[in-house]
Amino acid sequence: MKKSTYIYTVLCVIAIVISIVNCKDEDLLESGLQTDMKDFSLQEAKNFFQTQAHANLTLSRSLDNKRNKTVSPGDFVPNWDAAVSSTNNGLACYDIPITPTYHFKAIYVDERNGKPSAGKVNVYQKLVIVKDVKSNRMDQYILTLIPSKLYDSRNGAQTCNNFINCADKGGFYRSSIIFLCIFTSYSSYKYF
C-alpha cells in the first residue's frame, strides 16, 4: 500500500511540475510586448529617415547600378501608420512595413529520398529605425527576411509582422536575415 501511494505521489508531483512549466500567461506575454517609447517617438524616427533621405538625395540604392549585387528593395515607401515599436537592452526600435519597387524570391535545395530538389520562397523586407536611448545615436536599415520553406508556407505575408527586431522573433528559425544599411553599401548577414 505504501509503495503505490509513493508512486501516485511522485506521478502527481511530476504532473504538477510539467503543468507549471508549460503554462503561459497570455496577458503577461502581451504586456511584455507593449513597450514604453517615451524616449523615441514615431515622429522622431520619421524625421530621422526623411533627413537622411534628403541629405543623400535619394530614397534608396537603385538596382540599376550593375555593381550593386544586394537585395535592395529599390525605391520604397514606408507605411508609417503600420509601424511597430519595441525596446530591448537600451535600444528603442520601430519596424516599418515598406512598399518596395522590387520583390525577390530565394532558391533553396532540399533532399528527398536521396535526390536533390529545388524550390523557392518569398523574401520579405521592412525598414527598421533604431535608437540607442542612452547615447541618442540613431541608425536605419532594411531588414531582409529569407524564411525556411516550412516557415514561409505557414506564415507567408505575416513573416514581417511576426519578426520584431527588438522583441519577439516569431519562431523565425532555420532562416536567414540580411541587414542592408540605407544610403551605404554596408550589409550584414545572420542565420537563425
N, C-alpha and C. Protein backbone atom coordinates (compact mmCIF):
# COMPACT_ATOMS: atom_id res chain seq x y z
N MET A 1 0.81 -1.19 0.00
CA MET A 1 0.00 0.00 0.00
C MET A 1 0.86 1.26 0.00
N LYS A 2 1.93 1.25 0.80
CA LYS A 2 2.80 2.42 0.86
C LYS A 2 3.49 2.65 -0.48
N LYS A 3 3.85 1.56 -1.15
CA LYS A 3 4.55 1.69 -2.42
C LYS A 3 3.65 2.35 -3.48
N SER A 4 2.41 1.95 -3.56
CA SER A 4 1.51 2.55 -4.55
C SER A 4 1.21 4.01 -4.21
N THR A 5 1.09 4.34 -2.93
CA THR A 5 0.89 5.73 -2.52
C THR A 5 2.09 6.58 -2.91
N TYR A 6 3.27 6.03 -2.71
CA TYR A 6 4.50 6.73 -3.08
C TYR A 6 4.55 6.98 -4.59
N ILE A 7 4.19 5.98 -5.38
CA ILE A 7 4.21 6.10 -6.84
C ILE A 7 3.21 7.16 -7.29
N TYR A 8 1.98 7.13 -6.73
CA TYR A 8 0.98 8.13 -7.10
C TYR A 8 1.40 9.54 -6.70
N THR A 9 2.05 9.67 -5.57
CA THR A 9 2.52 10.98 -5.12
C THR A 9 3.58 11.51 -6.07
N VAL A 10 4.52 10.67 -6.46
CA VAL A 10 5.58 11.08 -7.39
C VAL A 10 4.97 11.46 -8.74
N LEU A 11 4.02 10.67 -9.24
CA LEU A 11 3.38 10.99 -10.52
C LEU A 11 2.62 12.31 -10.45
N CYS A 12 1.94 12.57 -9.34
CA CYS A 12 1.22 13.84 -9.18
C CYS A 12 2.18 15.02 -9.15
N VAL A 13 3.30 14.88 -8.45
CA VAL A 13 4.29 15.95 -8.39
C VAL A 13 4.86 16.22 -9.78
N ILE A 14 5.16 15.16 -10.52
CA ILE A 14 5.68 15.32 -11.88
C ILE A 14 4.65 16.02 -12.77
N ALA A 15 3.38 15.62 -12.66
CA ALA A 15 2.33 16.24 -13.46
C ALA A 15 2.18 17.72 -13.12
N ILE A 16 2.27 18.06 -11.85
CA ILE A 16 2.16 19.47 -11.43
C ILE A 16 3.33 20.28 -11.97
N VAL A 17 4.54 19.73 -11.88
CA VAL A 17 5.72 20.43 -12.38
C VAL A 17 5.62 20.65 -13.89
N ILE A 18 5.21 19.62 -14.62
CA ILE A 18 5.06 19.76 -16.07
C ILE A 18 4.00 20.80 -16.40
N SER A 19 2.89 20.79 -15.68
CA SER A 19 1.83 21.78 -15.92
C SER A 19 2.31 23.19 -15.67
N ILE A 20 3.05 23.40 -14.61
CA ILE A 20 3.54 24.74 -14.28
C ILE A 20 4.53 25.22 -15.34
N VAL A 21 5.42 24.33 -15.77
CA VAL A 21 6.43 24.70 -16.76
C VAL A 21 5.78 25.04 -18.10
N ASN A 22 4.74 24.32 -18.48
CA ASN A 22 4.13 24.51 -19.79
C ASN A 22 3.03 25.57 -19.83
N CYS A 23 2.62 26.08 -18.71
CA CYS A 23 1.57 27.10 -18.69
C CYS A 23 2.12 28.44 -19.14
N LYS A 24 1.29 29.18 -19.88
CA LYS A 24 1.66 30.52 -20.33
C LYS A 24 0.58 31.49 -19.89
N ASP A 25 0.99 32.62 -19.44
CA ASP A 25 0.06 33.69 -19.13
C ASP A 25 0.06 34.63 -20.33
N GLU A 26 -0.96 34.50 -21.19
CA GLU A 26 -1.02 35.28 -22.42
C GLU A 26 -1.03 36.78 -22.13
N ASP A 27 -1.73 37.20 -21.06
CA ASP A 27 -1.75 38.63 -20.72
C ASP A 27 -0.37 39.12 -20.36
N LEU A 28 0.39 38.30 -19.64
CA LEU A 28 1.75 38.68 -19.27
C LEU A 28 2.63 38.80 -20.50
N LEU A 29 2.50 37.84 -21.42
CA LEU A 29 3.30 37.88 -22.65
C LEU A 29 2.94 39.10 -23.49
N GLU A 30 1.65 39.40 -23.62
CA GLU A 30 1.25 40.54 -24.43
C GLU A 30 1.68 41.85 -23.80
N SER A 31 1.62 41.95 -22.48
CA SER A 31 2.05 43.19 -21.84
C SER A 31 3.55 43.38 -21.98
N GLY A 32 4.29 42.27 -22.12
CA GLY A 32 5.73 42.36 -22.33
C GLY A 32 6.07 42.94 -23.69
N LEU A 33 5.16 42.76 -24.66
CA LEU A 33 5.40 43.31 -25.99
C LEU A 33 5.01 44.79 -26.07
N GLN A 34 4.17 45.24 -25.16
CA GLN A 34 3.81 46.65 -25.12
C GLN A 34 5.00 47.40 -24.55
N THR A 35 5.53 48.31 -25.30
CA THR A 35 6.74 48.99 -24.87
C THR A 35 6.49 50.46 -24.63
N ASP A 36 7.23 51.00 -23.71
CA ASP A 36 7.15 52.42 -23.40
C ASP A 36 8.15 53.14 -24.28
N MET A 37 7.66 53.89 -25.24
CA MET A 37 8.52 54.56 -26.21
C MET A 37 8.64 56.05 -25.92
N LYS A 38 8.68 56.41 -24.65
CA LYS A 38 8.75 57.83 -24.28
C LYS A 38 10.06 58.48 -24.75
N ASP A 39 11.12 57.68 -24.91
CA ASP A 39 12.41 58.22 -25.34
C ASP A 39 12.60 58.24 -26.85
N PHE A 40 11.62 57.68 -27.60
CA PHE A 40 11.77 57.58 -29.05
C PHE A 40 10.38 57.55 -29.69
N SER A 41 9.99 58.65 -30.27
CA SER A 41 8.66 58.73 -30.88
C SER A 41 8.72 58.33 -32.35
N LEU A 42 7.57 57.95 -32.88
CA LEU A 42 7.49 57.60 -34.30
C LEU A 42 7.80 58.83 -35.16
N GLN A 43 7.39 59.99 -34.71
CA GLN A 43 7.69 61.22 -35.46
C GLN A 43 9.20 61.46 -35.51
N GLU A 44 9.90 61.16 -34.42
CA GLU A 44 11.36 61.31 -34.40
C GLU A 44 12.00 60.35 -35.40
N ALA A 45 11.50 59.11 -35.46
CA ALA A 45 12.01 58.13 -36.43
C ALA A 45 11.74 58.60 -37.86
N LYS A 46 10.55 59.10 -38.08
CA LYS A 46 10.18 59.59 -39.42
C LYS A 46 11.06 60.77 -39.83
N ASN A 47 11.29 61.70 -38.91
CA ASN A 47 12.15 62.85 -39.20
C ASN A 47 13.58 62.41 -39.51
N PHE A 48 14.09 61.42 -38.76
CA PHE A 48 15.43 60.90 -39.00
C PHE A 48 15.52 60.31 -40.41
N PHE A 49 14.54 59.51 -40.78
CA PHE A 49 14.52 58.90 -42.11
C PHE A 49 14.49 59.97 -43.20
N GLN A 50 13.62 60.95 -43.04
CA GLN A 50 13.48 61.99 -44.06
C GLN A 50 14.74 62.86 -44.15
N THR A 51 15.37 63.15 -43.02
CA THR A 51 16.61 63.93 -43.02
C THR A 51 17.71 63.17 -43.76
N GLN A 52 17.83 61.88 -43.46
CA GLN A 52 18.85 61.06 -44.13
C GLN A 52 18.56 60.95 -45.63
N ALA A 53 17.30 60.79 -45.99
CA ALA A 53 16.93 60.69 -47.40
C ALA A 53 17.25 61.99 -48.13
N HIS A 54 16.93 63.12 -47.50
CA HIS A 54 17.19 64.42 -48.13
C HIS A 54 18.70 64.67 -48.24
N ALA A 55 19.45 64.30 -47.23
CA ALA A 55 20.90 64.51 -47.24
C ALA A 55 21.58 63.68 -48.33
N ASN A 56 21.01 62.54 -48.65
CA ASN A 56 21.60 61.66 -49.66
C ASN A 56 20.94 61.80 -51.02
N LEU A 57 19.92 62.65 -51.11
CA LEU A 57 19.23 62.95 -52.37
C LEU A 57 18.68 61.72 -53.07
N THR A 58 18.35 60.70 -52.33
CA THR A 58 17.74 59.50 -52.89
C THR A 58 17.01 58.78 -51.78
N LEU A 59 15.99 58.03 -52.12
CA LEU A 59 15.27 57.28 -51.09
C LEU A 59 15.86 55.90 -50.88
N SER A 60 16.61 55.39 -51.81
CA SER A 60 17.25 54.09 -51.61
C SER A 60 18.30 53.89 -52.69
N ARG A 61 19.08 52.84 -52.48
CA ARG A 61 20.05 52.49 -53.51
C ARG A 61 19.31 51.85 -54.66
N SER A 62 19.70 52.14 -55.86
CA SER A 62 18.98 51.64 -57.02
C SER A 62 19.61 50.35 -57.52
N LEU A 63 18.77 49.45 -58.02
CA LEU A 63 19.27 48.20 -58.61
C LEU A 63 19.80 48.41 -60.02
N ASP A 64 19.61 49.60 -60.56
CA ASP A 64 20.11 49.86 -61.91
C ASP A 64 21.63 49.82 -61.96
N ASN A 65 22.27 50.05 -60.84
CA ASN A 65 23.72 50.02 -60.77
C ASN A 65 24.18 48.57 -60.87
N LYS A 66 24.94 48.23 -61.90
CA LYS A 66 25.36 46.84 -62.11
C LYS A 66 26.28 46.33 -61.01
N ARG A 67 26.95 47.21 -60.29
CA ARG A 67 27.84 46.78 -59.21
C ARG A 67 27.06 46.41 -57.96
N ASN A 68 25.82 46.83 -57.87
CA ASN A 68 25.02 46.58 -56.69
C ASN A 68 24.41 45.19 -56.78
N LYS A 69 24.97 44.23 -56.05
CA LYS A 69 24.51 42.84 -56.10
C LYS A 69 23.70 42.47 -54.86
N THR A 70 23.10 43.44 -54.20
CA THR A 70 22.34 43.17 -52.98
C THR A 70 20.87 42.96 -53.31
N VAL A 71 20.10 42.65 -52.30
CA VAL A 71 18.66 42.51 -52.46
C VAL A 71 17.97 43.81 -52.03
N SER A 72 18.44 44.89 -52.60
CA SER A 72 17.88 46.21 -52.30
C SER A 72 16.43 46.28 -52.78
N PRO A 73 15.55 46.87 -52.00
CA PRO A 73 14.16 46.98 -52.43
C PRO A 73 13.96 48.03 -53.52
N GLY A 74 15.02 48.72 -53.91
CA GLY A 74 14.87 49.83 -54.85
C GLY A 74 14.25 51.01 -54.13
N ASP A 75 13.55 51.85 -54.85
CA ASP A 75 12.83 52.94 -54.20
C ASP A 75 11.66 52.34 -53.43
N PHE A 76 11.43 52.81 -52.23
CA PHE A 76 10.36 52.25 -51.42
C PHE A 76 9.63 53.34 -50.66
N VAL A 77 8.42 53.01 -50.24
CA VAL A 77 7.59 53.94 -49.47
C VAL A 77 7.30 53.29 -48.12
N PRO A 78 7.74 53.92 -47.02
CA PRO A 78 7.43 53.38 -45.68
C PRO A 78 5.95 53.57 -45.34
N ASN A 79 5.36 52.57 -44.70
CA ASN A 79 3.98 52.66 -44.22
C ASN A 79 4.04 53.02 -42.74
N TRP A 80 4.13 54.30 -42.45
CA TRP A 80 4.32 54.78 -41.07
C TRP A 80 3.15 54.42 -40.16
N ASP A 81 1.95 54.31 -40.72
CA ASP A 81 0.78 54.00 -39.90
C ASP A 81 0.81 52.58 -39.34
N ALA A 82 1.57 51.69 -39.96
CA ALA A 82 1.64 50.30 -39.52
C ALA A 82 2.92 50.00 -38.73
N ALA A 83 3.63 51.04 -38.31
CA ALA A 83 4.90 50.84 -37.58
C ALA A 83 4.65 50.14 -36.24
N VAL A 84 5.59 49.26 -35.88
CA VAL A 84 5.52 48.52 -34.62
C VAL A 84 6.73 48.92 -33.78
N SER A 85 6.48 49.30 -32.53
CA SER A 85 7.58 49.72 -31.66
C SER A 85 8.00 48.57 -30.75
N SER A 86 9.27 48.58 -30.36
CA SER A 86 9.79 47.60 -29.40
C SER A 86 11.05 48.16 -28.76
N THR A 87 11.39 47.62 -27.60
CA THR A 87 12.62 48.01 -26.91
C THR A 87 13.31 46.77 -26.36
N ASN A 88 14.63 46.87 -26.23
CA ASN A 88 15.41 45.77 -25.67
C ASN A 88 16.80 46.28 -25.33
N ASN A 89 17.22 46.09 -24.09
CA ASN A 89 18.58 46.42 -23.65
C ASN A 89 19.02 47.83 -24.05
N GLY A 90 18.20 48.81 -23.80
CA GLY A 90 18.58 50.19 -24.08
C GLY A 90 18.41 50.62 -25.52
N LEU A 91 17.87 49.75 -26.37
CA LEU A 91 17.59 50.10 -27.76
C LEU A 91 16.09 50.25 -27.94
N ALA A 92 15.69 51.32 -28.59
CA ALA A 92 14.29 51.50 -28.97
C ALA A 92 14.23 51.36 -30.48
N CYS A 93 13.17 50.76 -30.96
CA CYS A 93 13.15 50.39 -32.37
C CYS A 93 11.75 50.53 -32.95
N TYR A 94 11.68 50.89 -34.22
CA TYR A 94 10.44 50.87 -34.99
C TYR A 94 10.64 49.97 -36.20
N ASP A 95 9.77 48.99 -36.37
CA ASP A 95 9.73 48.14 -37.55
C ASP A 95 8.63 48.70 -38.44
N ILE A 96 8.99 49.15 -39.64
CA ILE A 96 8.05 49.83 -40.52
C ILE A 96 7.91 49.05 -41.83
N PRO A 97 6.70 48.57 -42.15
CA PRO A 97 6.50 47.90 -43.43
C PRO A 97 6.77 48.87 -44.58
N ILE A 98 7.23 48.33 -45.69
CA ILE A 98 7.51 49.17 -46.86
C ILE A 98 6.80 48.62 -48.09
N THR A 99 6.57 49.51 -49.03
CA THR A 99 6.11 49.12 -50.36
C THR A 99 7.31 49.29 -51.28
N PRO A 100 7.99 48.17 -51.62
CA PRO A 100 9.22 48.27 -52.41
C PRO A 100 8.96 48.28 -53.91
N THR A 101 9.96 48.72 -54.65
CA THR A 101 9.91 48.66 -56.10
C THR A 101 10.13 47.23 -56.58
N TYR A 102 11.02 46.51 -55.90
CA TYR A 102 11.39 45.16 -56.31
C TYR A 102 11.01 44.15 -55.25
N HIS A 103 10.59 42.97 -55.70
CA HIS A 103 10.30 41.84 -54.82
C HIS A 103 11.23 40.70 -55.24
N PHE A 104 11.64 39.89 -54.27
CA PHE A 104 12.59 38.82 -54.55
C PHE A 104 12.05 37.48 -54.09
N LYS A 105 12.63 36.43 -54.65
CA LYS A 105 12.41 35.06 -54.20
C LYS A 105 13.79 34.44 -54.01
N ALA A 106 13.89 33.54 -53.06
CA ALA A 106 15.15 32.84 -52.80
C ALA A 106 14.98 31.38 -53.19
N ILE A 107 16.03 30.81 -53.72
CA ILE A 107 16.02 29.40 -54.12
C ILE A 107 16.61 28.58 -52.98
N TYR A 108 15.98 27.46 -52.67
CA TYR A 108 16.51 26.54 -51.66
C TYR A 108 16.65 25.16 -52.29
N VAL A 109 17.49 24.34 -51.69
CA VAL A 109 17.69 22.98 -52.16
C VAL A 109 17.39 22.03 -51.01
N ASP A 110 16.57 21.04 -51.29
CA ASP A 110 16.21 20.00 -50.32
C ASP A 110 16.67 18.66 -50.84
N GLU A 111 16.68 17.69 -49.95
CA GLU A 111 16.98 16.33 -50.37
C GLU A 111 15.80 15.45 -49.98
N ARG A 112 15.23 14.76 -50.96
CA ARG A 112 14.12 13.84 -50.72
C ARG A 112 14.49 12.48 -51.26
N ASN A 113 14.45 11.49 -50.39
CA ASN A 113 14.78 10.12 -50.77
C ASN A 113 16.13 10.04 -51.49
N GLY A 114 17.08 10.83 -51.03
CA GLY A 114 18.41 10.81 -51.60
C GLY A 114 18.56 11.61 -52.88
N LYS A 115 17.50 12.26 -53.34
CA LYS A 115 17.55 13.04 -54.57
C LYS A 115 17.36 14.52 -54.25
N PRO A 116 18.19 15.36 -54.83
CA PRO A 116 18.04 16.80 -54.57
C PRO A 116 16.81 17.37 -55.30
N SER A 117 16.16 18.30 -54.64
CA SER A 117 15.06 19.02 -55.27
C SER A 117 15.20 20.50 -54.93
N ALA A 118 14.75 21.34 -55.82
CA ALA A 118 14.87 22.79 -55.61
C ALA A 118 13.48 23.40 -55.54
N GLY A 119 13.41 24.52 -54.85
CA GLY A 119 12.16 25.26 -54.74
C GLY A 119 12.48 26.71 -54.47
N LYS A 120 11.44 27.50 -54.22
CA LYS A 120 11.69 28.91 -53.93
C LYS A 120 10.78 29.37 -52.80
N VAL A 121 11.24 30.38 -52.09
CA VAL A 121 10.47 31.02 -51.02
C VAL A 121 10.47 32.52 -51.28
N ASN A 122 9.47 33.18 -50.75
CA ASN A 122 9.40 34.63 -50.86
C ASN A 122 10.42 35.28 -49.93
N VAL A 123 10.89 36.44 -50.31
CA VAL A 123 11.80 37.24 -49.49
C VAL A 123 11.01 38.46 -49.02
N TYR A 124 11.08 38.74 -47.73
CA TYR A 124 10.30 39.84 -47.14
C TYR A 124 11.23 40.93 -46.63
N GLN A 125 10.81 42.19 -46.77
CA GLN A 125 11.65 43.31 -46.37
C GLN A 125 10.84 44.37 -45.62
N LYS A 126 11.52 45.06 -44.70
CA LYS A 126 10.91 46.20 -44.00
C LYS A 126 12.00 47.15 -43.54
N LEU A 127 11.60 48.36 -43.24
CA LEU A 127 12.51 49.39 -42.74
C LEU A 127 12.57 49.28 -41.22
N VAL A 128 13.77 49.35 -40.67
CA VAL A 128 13.94 49.33 -39.21
C VAL A 128 14.76 50.56 -38.83
N ILE A 129 14.23 51.34 -37.88
CA ILE A 129 14.94 52.51 -37.36
C ILE A 129 15.18 52.26 -35.88
N VAL A 130 16.45 52.34 -35.47
CA VAL A 130 16.86 52.00 -34.11
C VAL A 130 17.49 53.21 -33.45
N LYS A 131 17.23 53.36 -32.15
CA LYS A 131 17.84 54.44 -31.37
C LYS A 131 18.40 53.87 -30.08
N ASP A 132 19.67 54.19 -29.81
CA ASP A 132 20.27 53.88 -28.51
C ASP A 132 19.83 55.00 -27.57
N VAL A 133 18.96 54.67 -26.61
CA VAL A 133 18.37 55.72 -25.78
C VAL A 133 19.37 56.36 -24.84
N LYS A 134 20.47 55.69 -24.56
CA LYS A 134 21.50 56.28 -23.68
C LYS A 134 22.34 57.31 -24.41
N SER A 135 22.75 56.99 -25.63
CA SER A 135 23.63 57.89 -26.38
C SER A 135 22.86 58.76 -27.39
N ASN A 136 21.58 58.49 -27.57
CA ASN A 136 20.74 59.17 -28.56
C ASN A 136 21.21 58.96 -30.00
N ARG A 137 22.03 57.96 -30.24
CA ARG A 137 22.50 57.65 -31.59
C ARG A 137 21.42 56.84 -32.32
N MET A 138 21.19 57.19 -33.57
CA MET A 138 20.16 56.51 -34.36
C MET A 138 20.76 55.93 -35.63
N ASP A 139 20.11 54.88 -36.12
CA ASP A 139 20.52 54.27 -37.38
C ASP A 139 19.28 53.64 -38.02
N GLN A 140 19.39 53.34 -39.28
CA GLN A 140 18.28 52.72 -40.00
C GLN A 140 18.83 51.72 -41.00
N TYR A 141 18.04 50.71 -41.29
CA TYR A 141 18.45 49.72 -42.27
C TYR A 141 17.23 48.99 -42.80
N ILE A 142 17.43 48.31 -43.91
CA ILE A 142 16.41 47.45 -44.48
C ILE A 142 16.66 46.05 -43.94
N LEU A 143 15.65 45.49 -43.30
CA LEU A 143 15.73 44.14 -42.76
C LEU A 143 15.14 43.20 -43.81
N THR A 144 15.94 42.28 -44.31
CA THR A 144 15.52 41.32 -45.33
C THR A 144 15.41 39.96 -44.68
N LEU A 145 14.23 39.36 -44.72
CA LEU A 145 13.98 38.06 -44.10
C LEU A 145 13.82 37.01 -45.19
N ILE A 146 14.64 35.97 -45.11
CA ILE A 146 14.54 34.84 -46.04
C ILE A 146 14.16 33.63 -45.21
N PRO A 147 12.87 33.30 -45.16
CA PRO A 147 12.42 32.22 -44.28
C PRO A 147 12.72 30.84 -44.85
N SER A 148 12.66 29.84 -43.98
CA SER A 148 12.75 28.47 -44.44
C SER A 148 11.46 28.14 -45.20
N LYS A 149 11.49 27.07 -45.95
CA LYS A 149 10.32 26.67 -46.74
C LYS A 149 9.12 26.44 -45.82
N LEU A 150 9.33 25.77 -44.70
CA LEU A 150 8.25 25.48 -43.76
C LEU A 150 7.67 26.76 -43.16
N TYR A 151 8.56 27.68 -42.74
CA TYR A 151 8.09 28.94 -42.14
C TYR A 151 7.31 29.76 -43.16
N ASP A 152 7.80 29.82 -44.40
CA ASP A 152 7.11 30.59 -45.44
C ASP A 152 5.74 30.00 -45.75
N SER A 153 5.66 28.67 -45.80
CA SER A 153 4.36 28.05 -46.11
C SER A 153 3.36 28.25 -44.97
N ARG A 154 3.83 28.31 -43.74
CA ARG A 154 2.92 28.50 -42.59
C ARG A 154 2.54 29.96 -42.37
N ASN A 155 3.46 30.89 -42.60
CA ASN A 155 3.24 32.28 -42.23
C ASN A 155 3.06 33.23 -43.40
N GLY A 156 3.68 32.95 -44.53
CA GLY A 156 3.51 33.77 -45.72
C GLY A 156 3.72 35.24 -45.48
N ALA A 157 2.73 36.04 -45.84
CA ALA A 157 2.84 37.50 -45.76
C ALA A 157 2.96 38.02 -44.32
N GLN A 158 2.66 37.19 -43.33
CA GLN A 158 2.77 37.61 -41.93
C GLN A 158 4.20 37.55 -41.42
N THR A 159 5.13 37.08 -42.23
CA THR A 159 6.52 36.92 -41.81
C THR A 159 7.09 38.21 -41.23
N CYS A 160 6.93 39.32 -41.93
CA CYS A 160 7.46 40.60 -41.43
C CYS A 160 6.78 41.03 -40.15
N ASN A 161 5.49 40.76 -40.02
CA ASN A 161 4.77 41.14 -38.80
C ASN A 161 5.18 40.28 -37.62
N ASN A 162 5.53 39.03 -37.86
CA ASN A 162 5.92 38.12 -36.78
C ASN A 162 7.31 38.43 -36.24
N PHE A 163 8.21 38.89 -37.09
CA PHE A 163 9.59 39.15 -36.69
C PHE A 163 9.70 40.61 -36.24
N ILE A 164 9.86 40.82 -34.93
CA ILE A 164 10.01 42.17 -34.38
C ILE A 164 11.47 42.33 -33.97
N ASN A 165 12.15 43.32 -34.51
CA ASN A 165 13.60 43.46 -34.35
C ASN A 165 14.07 43.43 -32.90
N CYS A 166 13.50 44.25 -32.03
CA CYS A 166 13.95 44.31 -30.63
C CYS A 166 13.04 43.52 -29.69
N ALA A 167 12.28 42.58 -30.22
CA ALA A 167 11.38 41.81 -29.37
C ALA A 167 11.29 40.38 -29.90
N ASP A 168 10.09 39.89 -30.03
CA ASP A 168 9.84 38.51 -30.43
C ASP A 168 10.24 38.28 -31.89
N LYS A 169 10.90 37.16 -32.13
CA LYS A 169 11.31 36.83 -33.49
C LYS A 169 10.28 35.95 -34.18
N GLY A 170 9.16 35.68 -33.54
CA GLY A 170 8.05 34.98 -34.17
C GLY A 170 8.37 33.57 -34.62
N GLY A 171 9.22 32.85 -33.89
CA GLY A 171 9.57 31.50 -34.28
C GLY A 171 10.42 31.43 -35.53
N PHE A 172 11.05 32.53 -35.87
CA PHE A 172 11.86 32.62 -37.09
C PHE A 172 13.18 31.89 -36.86
N TYR A 173 13.26 30.65 -37.30
CA TYR A 173 14.48 29.86 -37.13
C TYR A 173 14.77 29.09 -38.42
N ARG A 174 15.98 28.61 -38.52
CA ARG A 174 16.46 27.93 -39.72
C ARG A 174 16.20 28.79 -40.96
N SER A 175 16.45 30.07 -40.79
CA SER A 175 16.19 31.05 -41.83
C SER A 175 17.32 32.07 -41.83
N SER A 176 17.31 32.96 -42.82
CA SER A 176 18.38 33.94 -42.95
C SER A 176 17.84 35.35 -42.84
N ILE A 177 18.70 36.23 -42.33
CA ILE A 177 18.36 37.64 -42.20
C ILE A 177 19.52 38.45 -42.77
N ILE A 178 19.20 39.46 -43.57
CA ILE A 178 20.21 40.35 -44.12
C ILE A 178 19.84 41.77 -43.70
N PHE A 179 20.81 42.48 -43.14
CA PHE A 179 20.63 43.87 -42.75
C PHE A 179 21.34 44.74 -43.78
N LEU A 180 20.61 45.57 -44.51
CA LEU A 180 21.20 46.46 -45.50
C LEU A 180 21.11 47.89 -44.99
N CYS A 181 22.26 48.51 -44.79
CA CYS A 181 22.25 49.91 -44.36
C CYS A 181 21.81 50.78 -45.52
N ILE A 182 20.89 51.66 -45.25
CA ILE A 182 20.37 52.54 -46.29
C ILE A 182 21.41 53.63 -46.57
N PHE A 183 21.55 53.99 -47.83
CA PHE A 183 22.44 55.06 -48.29
C PHE A 183 23.92 54.69 -48.19
N THR A 184 24.24 53.43 -47.92
CA THR A 184 25.62 52.95 -47.93
C THR A 184 25.64 51.59 -48.60
N SER A 185 26.81 51.02 -48.77
CA SER A 185 26.90 49.69 -49.36
C SER A 185 27.17 48.62 -48.30
N TYR A 186 27.02 48.96 -47.02
CA TYR A 186 27.29 48.01 -45.94
C TYR A 186 26.11 47.06 -45.77
N SER A 187 26.41 45.78 -45.60
CA SER A 187 25.36 44.81 -45.29
C SER A 187 25.91 43.78 -44.32
N SER A 188 25.02 43.14 -43.59
CA SER A 188 25.39 42.13 -42.61
C SER A 188 24.43 40.96 -42.77
N TYR A 189 24.92 39.75 -42.50
CA TYR A 189 24.13 38.54 -42.69
C TYR A 189 24.06 37.78 -41.38
N LYS A 190 22.90 37.20 -41.08
CA LYS A 190 22.75 36.39 -39.87
C LYS A 190 21.85 35.21 -40.19
N TYR A 191 22.23 34.04 -39.68
CA TYR A 191 21.43 32.83 -39.88
C TYR A 191 20.83 32.42 -38.55
N PHE A 192 19.52 32.20 -38.51
CA PHE A 192 18.84 31.76 -37.29
C PHE A 192 18.58 30.28 -37.36
